[in-house]
Amino acid sequence: MKPEDREAWERALVRFRAEKDYFFRTSHDSPLHVGVEGFHGLSYFDPDSSFRFEAKLQRYANPETVVVATSKGTRQLFNRVGYFDLNIIGAQVRISAYQSAERDDPNLFLPFRDATSGKESYGAARYLDLKVEHDDQYAVDFNYAYNPYCAYSEDYVCPLPPQENWLKVPISAGEKKYHD
C-alpha cells in the first residue's frame, strides 16, 4: 500500500470506529442495554495494514448448506459459498465464507476464532462482513473484525464459527474483547 493510500485507509478505519462507538453510546438499537453512561468506547487493536488482504473468493460450484451452532445452543443454516487463501504473518490460512440460508442477506459472512480468542479478543468469535463483489475480488480487512452482540449481552443469539474457521495464527487486528 502506498503511503498516501495507507493514510486514507487509516483515516477511514478511525472514522468507522468512532461512528461505531457513537452508535453504541447513543442508539436505542445498541447492544449495551445498561451502563451506557459509563461507556467510553470499544477497545481495538492498533490499525495494522498487514492484516488487510486483496484476495479472490474461491467459489464452490455447488455451495453446501451447513448447520452452525449458536451461543444459545440453537442452530442456524448457512451456505458455504467459498473460501479465501491468505498469507497471515507467514502462515498459509484458509478462511471459509458463508451466506445466510435463512434470511435475505447477500453479504459474505466470515466468522472466525484465532490465537487471540479468549485472551485479547472475545473468546467465542469475531466476525467480518463483506459486501458482495461481482468479480469476486475482495479486500479482506481484519482491522474491521468485530465482536458479535452476544459479547455485550446474553440477550442475543450469535452463530459460532465452524471449526474450519478456527485459525491458529493470531489476528491482532480489529475489535478486542469488551470485558476482562
N, C-alpha and C. Protein backbone atom coordinates (compact mmCIF):
# COMPACT_ATOMS: atom_id res chain seq x y z
N MET A 1 0.86 -1.17 0.00
CA MET A 1 0.00 0.00 0.00
C MET A 1 0.90 1.24 0.00
N LYS A 2 0.61 2.17 -0.89
CA LYS A 2 1.37 3.41 -0.95
C LYS A 2 1.09 4.25 0.30
N PRO A 3 2.06 5.08 0.72
CA PRO A 3 1.86 5.87 1.95
C PRO A 3 0.57 6.71 1.93
N GLU A 4 0.26 7.32 0.80
CA GLU A 4 -0.98 8.13 0.76
C GLU A 4 -2.23 7.26 0.86
N ASP A 5 -2.15 6.04 0.31
CA ASP A 5 -3.27 5.10 0.44
C ASP A 5 -3.40 4.62 1.88
N ARG A 6 -2.27 4.37 2.53
CA ARG A 6 -2.27 3.92 3.93
C ARG A 6 -2.89 4.98 4.83
N GLU A 7 -2.56 6.25 4.58
CA GLU A 7 -3.13 7.34 5.39
C GLU A 7 -4.64 7.41 5.21
N ALA A 8 -5.12 7.31 3.99
CA ALA A 8 -6.56 7.35 3.72
C ALA A 8 -7.25 6.14 4.35
N TRP A 9 -6.61 4.97 4.23
CA TRP A 9 -7.17 3.74 4.82
C TRP A 9 -7.29 3.89 6.33
N GLU A 10 -6.23 4.40 6.96
CA GLU A 10 -6.25 4.54 8.42
C GLU A 10 -7.28 5.57 8.87
N ARG A 11 -7.40 6.69 8.15
CA ARG A 11 -8.42 7.70 8.48
C ARG A 11 -9.82 7.10 8.39
N ALA A 12 -10.09 6.32 7.35
CA ALA A 12 -11.41 5.69 7.18
C ALA A 12 -11.68 4.70 8.32
N LEU A 13 -10.68 3.95 8.72
CA LEU A 13 -10.84 2.99 9.82
C LEU A 13 -11.10 3.71 11.13
N VAL A 14 -10.37 4.75 11.42
CA VAL A 14 -10.57 5.51 12.66
C VAL A 14 -11.96 6.14 12.67
N ARG A 15 -12.41 6.67 11.53
CA ARG A 15 -13.75 7.24 11.42
C ARG A 15 -14.83 6.17 11.65
N PHE A 16 -14.64 4.98 11.04
CA PHE A 16 -15.57 3.87 11.22
C PHE A 16 -15.70 3.51 12.71
N ARG A 17 -14.57 3.42 13.39
CA ARG A 17 -14.58 3.05 14.81
C ARG A 17 -15.26 4.12 15.65
N ALA A 18 -15.03 5.39 15.36
CA ALA A 18 -15.67 6.48 16.10
C ALA A 18 -17.19 6.45 15.89
N GLU A 19 -17.62 6.17 14.65
CA GLU A 19 -19.06 6.09 14.37
C GLU A 19 -19.68 4.90 15.10
N LYS A 20 -18.97 3.79 15.19
CA LYS A 20 -19.50 2.62 15.91
C LYS A 20 -19.62 2.94 17.39
N ASP A 21 -18.61 3.58 17.98
CA ASP A 21 -18.68 3.96 19.39
C ASP A 21 -19.85 4.90 19.64
N TYR A 22 -20.07 5.84 18.74
CA TYR A 22 -21.20 6.77 18.87
C TYR A 22 -22.53 6.00 18.84
N PHE A 23 -22.65 5.06 17.90
CA PHE A 23 -23.86 4.22 17.81
C PHE A 23 -24.07 3.46 19.12
N PHE A 24 -23.02 2.83 19.63
CA PHE A 24 -23.15 2.05 20.86
C PHE A 24 -23.56 2.94 22.03
N ARG A 25 -23.07 4.16 22.07
CA ARG A 25 -23.34 5.07 23.17
C ARG A 25 -24.74 5.69 23.09
N THR A 26 -25.25 5.93 21.87
CA THR A 26 -26.46 6.75 21.73
C THR A 26 -27.68 6.04 21.17
N SER A 27 -27.52 4.96 20.45
CA SER A 27 -28.66 4.35 19.75
C SER A 27 -29.49 3.45 20.66
N HIS A 28 -30.80 3.48 20.43
CA HIS A 28 -31.70 2.56 21.12
C HIS A 28 -31.46 1.13 20.65
N ASP A 29 -30.82 0.96 19.51
CA ASP A 29 -30.52 -0.37 18.98
C ASP A 29 -29.15 -0.88 19.44
N SER A 30 -28.49 -0.13 20.29
CA SER A 30 -27.18 -0.55 20.80
C SER A 30 -27.34 -1.84 21.60
N PRO A 31 -26.37 -2.76 21.51
CA PRO A 31 -26.44 -3.97 22.32
C PRO A 31 -26.10 -3.72 23.79
N LEU A 32 -25.67 -2.52 24.12
CA LEU A 32 -25.36 -2.17 25.52
C LEU A 32 -26.63 -1.68 26.18
N HIS A 33 -27.33 -2.58 26.84
CA HIS A 33 -28.62 -2.22 27.44
C HIS A 33 -28.45 -1.45 28.73
N VAL A 34 -27.35 -1.68 29.43
CA VAL A 34 -27.09 -0.98 30.69
C VAL A 34 -25.66 -0.47 30.68
N GLY A 35 -25.42 0.54 31.48
CA GLY A 35 -24.07 1.06 31.63
C GLY A 35 -23.59 1.94 30.50
N VAL A 36 -24.51 2.43 29.66
CA VAL A 36 -24.12 3.27 28.53
C VAL A 36 -23.51 4.58 29.01
N GLU A 37 -23.98 5.06 30.17
CA GLU A 37 -23.44 6.34 30.65
C GLU A 37 -21.95 6.24 30.95
N GLY A 38 -21.46 5.06 31.31
CA GLY A 38 -20.04 4.88 31.58
C GLY A 38 -19.25 4.37 30.38
N PHE A 39 -19.89 4.27 29.24
CA PHE A 39 -19.24 3.73 28.05
C PHE A 39 -18.35 4.80 27.41
N HIS A 40 -17.07 4.46 27.25
CA HIS A 40 -16.11 5.40 26.67
C HIS A 40 -15.54 4.90 25.35
N GLY A 41 -16.13 3.88 24.80
CA GLY A 41 -15.67 3.35 23.53
C GLY A 41 -15.19 1.92 23.64
N LEU A 42 -15.21 1.25 22.52
CA LEU A 42 -14.74 -0.13 22.44
C LEU A 42 -13.21 -0.14 22.39
N SER A 43 -12.63 -1.29 22.69
CA SER A 43 -11.19 -1.47 22.61
C SER A 43 -10.84 -2.12 21.28
N TYR A 44 -9.79 -1.61 20.66
CA TYR A 44 -9.35 -2.12 19.37
C TYR A 44 -7.85 -2.36 19.37
N PHE A 45 -7.43 -3.30 18.55
CA PHE A 45 -6.02 -3.41 18.23
C PHE A 45 -5.66 -2.17 17.41
N ASP A 46 -4.41 -1.76 17.48
CA ASP A 46 -3.97 -0.64 16.65
C ASP A 46 -4.15 -0.98 15.18
N PRO A 47 -4.48 0.00 14.35
CA PRO A 47 -4.59 -0.26 12.91
C PRO A 47 -3.30 -0.89 12.38
N ASP A 48 -3.45 -1.94 11.59
CA ASP A 48 -2.29 -2.66 11.06
C ASP A 48 -2.63 -3.14 9.65
N SER A 49 -2.06 -2.46 8.67
CA SER A 49 -2.39 -2.80 7.27
C SER A 49 -1.87 -4.17 6.85
N SER A 50 -1.02 -4.80 7.66
CA SER A 50 -0.57 -6.15 7.31
C SER A 50 -1.68 -7.18 7.51
N PHE A 51 -2.79 -6.77 8.13
CA PHE A 51 -3.95 -7.65 8.28
C PHE A 51 -5.05 -7.30 7.27
N ARG A 52 -4.67 -6.62 6.21
CA ARG A 52 -5.58 -6.29 5.11
C ARG A 52 -5.05 -7.00 3.86
N PHE A 53 -5.94 -7.75 3.21
CA PHE A 53 -5.54 -8.57 2.07
C PHE A 53 -6.44 -8.33 0.87
N GLU A 54 -5.84 -8.23 -0.29
CA GLU A 54 -6.59 -8.27 -1.54
C GLU A 54 -6.63 -9.74 -1.93
N ALA A 55 -7.82 -10.29 -2.04
CA ALA A 55 -7.93 -11.73 -2.27
C ALA A 55 -9.14 -12.05 -3.15
N LYS A 56 -9.02 -13.11 -3.88
CA LYS A 56 -10.12 -13.59 -4.73
C LYS A 56 -10.87 -14.68 -3.96
N LEU A 57 -12.19 -14.55 -3.95
CA LEU A 57 -13.02 -15.60 -3.37
C LEU A 57 -12.98 -16.80 -4.30
N GLN A 58 -12.59 -17.93 -3.75
CA GLN A 58 -12.61 -19.19 -4.49
C GLN A 58 -13.99 -19.81 -4.25
N ARG A 59 -14.87 -19.65 -5.23
CA ARG A 59 -16.25 -20.10 -5.07
C ARG A 59 -16.39 -21.60 -5.30
N TYR A 60 -17.27 -22.20 -4.53
CA TYR A 60 -17.63 -23.59 -4.76
C TYR A 60 -18.67 -23.64 -5.88
N ALA A 61 -18.55 -24.62 -6.75
CA ALA A 61 -19.52 -24.77 -7.85
C ALA A 61 -20.91 -25.07 -7.29
N ASN A 62 -20.97 -25.85 -6.22
CA ASN A 62 -22.23 -26.20 -5.57
C ASN A 62 -22.12 -25.90 -4.08
N PRO A 63 -22.47 -24.67 -3.68
CA PRO A 63 -22.35 -24.32 -2.26
C PRO A 63 -23.14 -25.29 -1.38
N GLU A 64 -22.51 -25.70 -0.30
CA GLU A 64 -23.12 -26.63 0.63
C GLU A 64 -23.82 -25.86 1.74
N THR A 65 -25.00 -26.30 2.14
CA THR A 65 -25.69 -25.73 3.29
C THR A 65 -25.18 -26.44 4.53
N VAL A 66 -24.73 -25.65 5.51
CA VAL A 66 -24.17 -26.22 6.73
C VAL A 66 -24.97 -25.72 7.94
N VAL A 67 -24.99 -26.54 8.97
CA VAL A 67 -25.64 -26.19 10.22
C VAL A 67 -24.57 -25.61 11.14
N VAL A 68 -24.83 -24.42 11.66
CA VAL A 68 -23.88 -23.73 12.51
C VAL A 68 -24.48 -23.59 13.91
N ALA A 69 -23.73 -23.99 14.92
CA ALA A 69 -24.17 -23.86 16.30
C ALA A 69 -24.17 -22.38 16.69
N THR A 70 -24.98 -22.05 17.70
CA THR A 70 -25.05 -20.67 18.18
C THR A 70 -24.68 -20.59 19.65
N SER A 71 -24.56 -19.38 20.12
CA SER A 71 -24.22 -19.11 21.52
C SER A 71 -25.28 -19.59 22.49
N LYS A 72 -26.49 -19.83 22.03
CA LYS A 72 -27.59 -20.28 22.87
C LYS A 72 -27.89 -21.77 22.69
N GLY A 73 -27.04 -22.48 21.94
CA GLY A 73 -27.26 -23.91 21.75
C GLY A 73 -28.24 -24.24 20.64
N THR A 74 -28.71 -23.23 19.92
CA THR A 74 -29.61 -23.47 18.79
C THR A 74 -28.74 -23.63 17.54
N ARG A 75 -29.38 -23.72 16.41
CA ARG A 75 -28.64 -23.90 15.16
C ARG A 75 -29.17 -22.93 14.10
N GLN A 76 -28.28 -22.51 13.22
CA GLN A 76 -28.66 -21.67 12.09
C GLN A 76 -28.07 -22.30 10.83
N LEU A 77 -28.72 -22.02 9.70
CA LEU A 77 -28.27 -22.56 8.43
C LEU A 77 -27.54 -21.48 7.63
N PHE A 78 -26.40 -21.88 7.08
CA PHE A 78 -25.60 -21.01 6.22
C PHE A 78 -25.18 -21.79 4.98
N ASN A 79 -25.01 -21.06 3.90
CA ASN A 79 -24.43 -21.65 2.70
C ASN A 79 -22.94 -21.34 2.70
N ARG A 80 -22.11 -22.39 2.61
CA ARG A 80 -20.66 -22.20 2.49
C ARG A 80 -20.40 -21.96 1.02
N VAL A 81 -20.11 -20.70 0.67
CA VAL A 81 -20.04 -20.31 -0.75
C VAL A 81 -18.63 -20.36 -1.32
N GLY A 82 -17.62 -20.31 -0.46
CA GLY A 82 -16.26 -20.33 -0.97
C GLY A 82 -15.27 -20.09 0.15
N TYR A 83 -14.06 -19.75 -0.24
CA TYR A 83 -13.00 -19.53 0.75
C TYR A 83 -11.97 -18.56 0.20
N PHE A 84 -11.20 -18.02 1.13
CA PHE A 84 -10.06 -17.17 0.81
C PHE A 84 -8.81 -17.86 1.31
N ASP A 85 -7.79 -17.90 0.49
CA ASP A 85 -6.46 -18.35 0.92
C ASP A 85 -5.62 -17.11 1.16
N LEU A 86 -5.12 -16.97 2.39
CA LEU A 86 -4.38 -15.77 2.79
C LEU A 86 -3.04 -16.18 3.40
N ASN A 87 -2.09 -15.30 3.30
CA ASN A 87 -0.81 -15.50 3.98
C ASN A 87 -0.77 -14.50 5.13
N ILE A 88 -1.02 -15.03 6.34
CA ILE A 88 -1.09 -14.18 7.52
C ILE A 88 0.15 -14.43 8.37
N ILE A 89 0.92 -13.39 8.57
CA ILE A 89 2.18 -13.43 9.31
C ILE A 89 3.00 -14.68 8.97
N GLY A 90 3.11 -14.94 7.68
CA GLY A 90 3.95 -16.03 7.19
C GLY A 90 3.30 -17.39 7.17
N ALA A 91 2.05 -17.50 7.55
CA ALA A 91 1.36 -18.79 7.55
C ALA A 91 0.25 -18.79 6.49
N GLN A 92 0.13 -19.87 5.76
CA GLN A 92 -0.97 -20.03 4.81
C GLN A 92 -2.24 -20.36 5.60
N VAL A 93 -3.26 -19.55 5.40
CA VAL A 93 -4.51 -19.68 6.15
C VAL A 93 -5.66 -19.71 5.16
N ARG A 94 -6.59 -20.62 5.37
CA ARG A 94 -7.82 -20.67 4.58
C ARG A 94 -8.97 -20.30 5.51
N ILE A 95 -9.79 -19.35 5.06
CA ILE A 95 -10.97 -18.96 5.83
C ILE A 95 -12.19 -19.08 4.91
N SER A 96 -13.20 -19.78 5.41
CA SER A 96 -14.42 -20.00 4.62
C SER A 96 -15.36 -18.81 4.72
N ALA A 97 -16.08 -18.58 3.64
CA ALA A 97 -17.06 -17.50 3.55
C ALA A 97 -18.46 -18.12 3.44
N TYR A 98 -19.40 -17.52 4.13
CA TYR A 98 -20.76 -18.03 4.21
C TYR A 98 -21.76 -16.94 3.82
N GLN A 99 -22.96 -17.39 3.49
CA GLN A 99 -24.12 -16.51 3.34
C GLN A 99 -25.27 -17.18 4.07
N SER A 100 -26.10 -16.37 4.69
CA SER A 100 -27.23 -16.92 5.42
C SER A 100 -28.15 -17.68 4.48
N ALA A 101 -28.59 -18.85 4.93
CA ALA A 101 -29.58 -19.63 4.19
C ALA A 101 -30.98 -19.39 4.75
N GLU A 102 -31.06 -18.55 5.79
CA GLU A 102 -32.34 -18.33 6.47
C GLU A 102 -32.93 -16.94 6.27
N ARG A 103 -32.09 -16.00 5.87
CA ARG A 103 -32.61 -14.64 5.67
C ARG A 103 -31.98 -14.06 4.42
N ASP A 104 -32.59 -13.03 3.93
CA ASP A 104 -32.16 -12.40 2.69
C ASP A 104 -31.03 -11.42 2.98
N ASP A 105 -29.80 -11.92 2.93
CA ASP A 105 -28.62 -11.10 3.17
C ASP A 105 -27.54 -11.56 2.20
N PRO A 106 -27.26 -10.76 1.17
CA PRO A 106 -26.29 -11.19 0.17
C PRO A 106 -24.83 -11.09 0.63
N ASN A 107 -24.57 -10.41 1.75
CA ASN A 107 -23.19 -10.21 2.20
C ASN A 107 -22.51 -11.53 2.52
N LEU A 108 -21.18 -11.51 2.37
CA LEU A 108 -20.38 -12.65 2.81
C LEU A 108 -20.12 -12.50 4.30
N PHE A 109 -20.16 -13.61 4.99
CA PHE A 109 -20.00 -13.65 6.44
C PHE A 109 -18.80 -14.54 6.75
N LEU A 110 -17.83 -13.97 7.47
CA LEU A 110 -16.63 -14.71 7.84
C LEU A 110 -16.52 -14.74 9.36
N PRO A 111 -17.14 -15.74 10.00
CA PRO A 111 -16.97 -15.88 11.45
C PRO A 111 -15.65 -16.61 11.71
N PHE A 112 -14.91 -16.20 12.74
CA PHE A 112 -13.64 -16.87 13.00
C PHE A 112 -13.24 -16.75 14.46
N ARG A 113 -12.40 -17.68 14.85
CA ARG A 113 -11.64 -17.64 16.10
C ARG A 113 -10.18 -17.62 15.68
N ASP A 114 -9.32 -17.15 16.57
CA ASP A 114 -7.89 -17.13 16.25
C ASP A 114 -7.11 -17.26 17.54
N ALA A 115 -5.81 -17.16 17.44
CA ALA A 115 -4.94 -17.35 18.62
C ALA A 115 -5.12 -16.26 19.67
N THR A 116 -5.82 -15.17 19.37
CA THR A 116 -6.09 -14.14 20.39
C THR A 116 -7.43 -14.40 21.10
N SER A 117 -8.24 -15.32 20.59
CA SER A 117 -9.58 -15.58 21.15
C SER A 117 -9.48 -16.02 22.62
N GLY A 118 -10.26 -15.36 23.46
CA GLY A 118 -10.28 -15.68 24.88
C GLY A 118 -9.16 -15.01 25.66
N LYS A 119 -8.25 -14.38 24.94
CA LYS A 119 -7.15 -13.66 25.60
C LYS A 119 -7.37 -12.17 25.36
N GLU A 120 -6.93 -11.69 24.19
CA GLU A 120 -7.10 -10.27 23.87
C GLU A 120 -8.44 -9.99 23.20
N SER A 121 -8.98 -10.98 22.52
CA SER A 121 -10.26 -10.79 21.82
C SER A 121 -11.33 -11.71 22.41
N TYR A 122 -12.56 -11.44 22.06
CA TYR A 122 -13.70 -12.21 22.56
C TYR A 122 -13.51 -13.69 22.26
N GLY A 123 -13.74 -14.52 23.25
CA GLY A 123 -13.44 -15.94 23.15
C GLY A 123 -14.28 -16.73 22.17
N ALA A 124 -15.53 -16.38 22.02
CA ALA A 124 -16.42 -17.19 21.18
C ALA A 124 -16.17 -16.98 19.69
N ALA A 125 -15.98 -15.74 19.28
CA ALA A 125 -15.83 -15.47 17.84
C ALA A 125 -15.66 -13.99 17.61
N ARG A 126 -15.16 -13.70 16.43
CA ARG A 126 -15.28 -12.37 15.85
C ARG A 126 -15.76 -12.58 14.44
N TYR A 127 -16.29 -11.50 13.84
CA TYR A 127 -16.89 -11.60 12.52
C TYR A 127 -16.29 -10.56 11.58
N LEU A 128 -16.37 -10.88 10.31
CA LEU A 128 -16.14 -9.93 9.23
C LEU A 128 -17.30 -10.05 8.27
N ASP A 129 -17.82 -8.94 7.80
CA ASP A 129 -18.86 -8.92 6.77
C ASP A 129 -18.28 -8.25 5.54
N LEU A 130 -18.52 -8.84 4.39
CA LEU A 130 -18.02 -8.27 3.14
C LEU A 130 -19.18 -8.10 2.17
N LYS A 131 -19.31 -6.91 1.61
CA LYS A 131 -20.31 -6.69 0.57
C LYS A 131 -19.91 -7.50 -0.67
N VAL A 132 -20.89 -8.11 -1.30
CA VAL A 132 -20.61 -8.96 -2.46
C VAL A 132 -20.00 -8.14 -3.59
N GLU A 133 -18.91 -8.64 -4.11
CA GLU A 133 -18.24 -8.07 -5.28
C GLU A 133 -18.46 -9.02 -6.45
N HIS A 134 -18.99 -8.52 -7.53
CA HIS A 134 -19.37 -9.40 -8.65
C HIS A 134 -18.18 -10.01 -9.36
N ASP A 135 -16.99 -9.43 -9.18
CA ASP A 135 -15.80 -10.04 -9.77
C ASP A 135 -15.08 -10.95 -8.77
N ASP A 136 -15.65 -11.10 -7.58
CA ASP A 136 -15.11 -11.94 -6.51
C ASP A 136 -13.74 -11.50 -6.01
N GLN A 137 -13.36 -10.25 -6.27
CA GLN A 137 -12.13 -9.67 -5.73
C GLN A 137 -12.52 -8.87 -4.48
N TYR A 138 -11.88 -9.18 -3.36
CA TYR A 138 -12.26 -8.58 -2.08
C TYR A 138 -11.07 -7.99 -1.36
N ALA A 139 -11.35 -7.00 -0.54
CA ALA A 139 -10.41 -6.53 0.47
C ALA A 139 -10.86 -7.20 1.77
N VAL A 140 -10.12 -8.20 2.20
CA VAL A 140 -10.39 -8.90 3.45
C VAL A 140 -9.55 -8.18 4.50
N ASP A 141 -10.22 -7.32 5.28
CA ASP A 141 -9.51 -6.44 6.21
C ASP A 141 -9.91 -6.78 7.64
N PHE A 142 -9.04 -7.51 8.33
CA PHE A 142 -9.32 -7.92 9.70
C PHE A 142 -9.32 -6.75 10.67
N ASN A 143 -8.89 -5.57 10.26
CA ASN A 143 -9.00 -4.39 11.10
C ASN A 143 -10.46 -4.03 11.36
N TYR A 144 -11.36 -4.56 10.53
CA TYR A 144 -12.80 -4.34 10.70
C TYR A 144 -13.47 -5.51 11.41
N ALA A 145 -12.69 -6.47 11.90
CA ALA A 145 -13.27 -7.61 12.63
C ALA A 145 -13.98 -7.07 13.87
N TYR A 146 -15.15 -7.62 14.14
CA TYR A 146 -15.95 -7.11 15.25
C TYR A 146 -16.51 -8.24 16.08
N ASN A 147 -16.87 -7.89 17.31
CA ASN A 147 -17.49 -8.84 18.22
C ASN A 147 -18.97 -8.97 17.89
N PRO A 148 -19.50 -10.19 18.01
CA PRO A 148 -20.95 -10.34 17.87
C PRO A 148 -21.65 -9.72 19.08
N TYR A 149 -22.93 -9.42 18.93
CA TYR A 149 -23.67 -8.77 20.01
C TYR A 149 -23.71 -9.59 21.29
N CYS A 150 -23.57 -10.91 21.19
CA CYS A 150 -23.58 -11.73 22.41
C CYS A 150 -22.35 -11.45 23.28
N ALA A 151 -21.36 -10.75 22.78
CA ALA A 151 -20.21 -10.35 23.60
C ALA A 151 -20.59 -9.26 24.59
N TYR A 152 -21.71 -8.58 24.34
CA TYR A 152 -22.13 -7.45 25.17
C TYR A 152 -23.34 -7.78 26.04
N SER A 153 -24.13 -8.76 25.61
CA SER A 153 -25.36 -9.09 26.34
C SER A 153 -25.77 -10.52 26.03
N GLU A 154 -26.27 -11.20 27.04
CA GLU A 154 -26.76 -12.57 26.86
C GLU A 154 -28.12 -12.59 26.16
N ASP A 155 -28.67 -11.44 25.84
CA ASP A 155 -29.95 -11.36 25.15
C ASP A 155 -29.87 -11.78 23.69
N TYR A 156 -28.67 -11.91 23.15
CA TYR A 156 -28.51 -12.17 21.72
C TYR A 156 -28.08 -13.61 21.45
N VAL A 157 -28.46 -14.06 20.27
CA VAL A 157 -28.07 -15.38 19.77
C VAL A 157 -27.09 -15.15 18.63
N CYS A 158 -25.90 -15.72 18.75
CA CYS A 158 -24.85 -15.46 17.76
C CYS A 158 -24.32 -16.77 17.19
N PRO A 159 -24.18 -16.86 15.88
CA PRO A 159 -23.57 -18.05 15.30
C PRO A 159 -22.11 -18.15 15.70
N LEU A 160 -21.67 -19.37 15.96
CA LEU A 160 -20.28 -19.63 16.31
C LEU A 160 -19.53 -20.09 15.07
N PRO A 161 -18.26 -19.77 14.96
CA PRO A 161 -17.53 -20.17 13.75
C PRO A 161 -17.35 -21.68 13.68
N PRO A 162 -17.61 -22.26 12.52
CA PRO A 162 -17.30 -23.68 12.35
C PRO A 162 -15.80 -23.90 12.55
N GLN A 163 -15.43 -25.11 12.92
CA GLN A 163 -14.04 -25.40 13.25
C GLN A 163 -13.07 -25.07 12.12
N GLU A 164 -13.56 -25.15 10.86
CA GLU A 164 -12.67 -24.82 9.74
C GLU A 164 -12.22 -23.36 9.78
N ASN A 165 -12.91 -22.51 10.54
CA ASN A 165 -12.53 -21.10 10.68
C ASN A 165 -11.91 -20.81 12.04
N TRP A 166 -11.37 -21.84 12.69
CA TRP A 166 -10.58 -21.65 13.90
C TRP A 166 -9.14 -21.51 13.44
N LEU A 167 -8.69 -20.29 13.33
CA LEU A 167 -7.37 -20.00 12.79
C LEU A 167 -6.31 -20.14 13.88
N LYS A 168 -5.20 -20.76 13.53
CA LYS A 168 -4.14 -21.00 14.51
C LYS A 168 -3.25 -19.78 14.72
N VAL A 169 -3.31 -18.84 13.81
CA VAL A 169 -2.48 -17.64 13.90
C VAL A 169 -3.20 -16.56 14.71
N PRO A 170 -2.45 -15.64 15.31
CA PRO A 170 -3.10 -14.51 15.99
C PRO A 170 -3.52 -13.45 14.97
N ILE A 171 -4.76 -13.02 15.07
CA ILE A 171 -5.26 -11.90 14.26
C ILE A 171 -5.31 -10.69 15.20
N SER A 172 -4.18 -10.00 15.31
CA SER A 172 -4.07 -8.86 16.21
C SER A 172 -4.55 -7.60 15.50
N ALA A 173 -5.81 -7.66 15.09
CA ALA A 173 -6.45 -6.56 14.35
C ALA A 173 -7.93 -6.58 14.68
N GLY A 174 -8.55 -5.43 14.56
CA GLY A 174 -9.99 -5.34 14.81
C GLY A 174 -10.31 -5.11 16.28
N GLU A 175 -11.51 -5.52 16.63
CA GLU A 175 -12.03 -5.27 17.97
C GLU A 175 -11.45 -6.26 18.98
N LYS A 176 -11.13 -5.74 20.16
CA LYS A 176 -10.69 -6.57 21.28
C LYS A 176 -11.90 -6.97 22.10
N LYS A 177 -11.67 -7.76 23.14
CA LYS A 177 -12.82 -8.16 23.96
C LYS A 177 -13.33 -6.97 24.77
N TYR A 178 -14.62 -7.01 25.04
CA TYR A 178 -15.28 -5.90 25.71
C TYR A 178 -15.02 -5.90 27.22
N HIS A 179 -15.11 -7.06 27.83
CA HIS A 179 -14.90 -7.19 29.28
C HIS A 179 -13.66 -8.02 29.53
N ASP A 180 -12.95 -7.68 30.58
CA ASP A 180 -11.83 -8.54 31.01
C ASP A 180 -12.26 -9.49 32.07
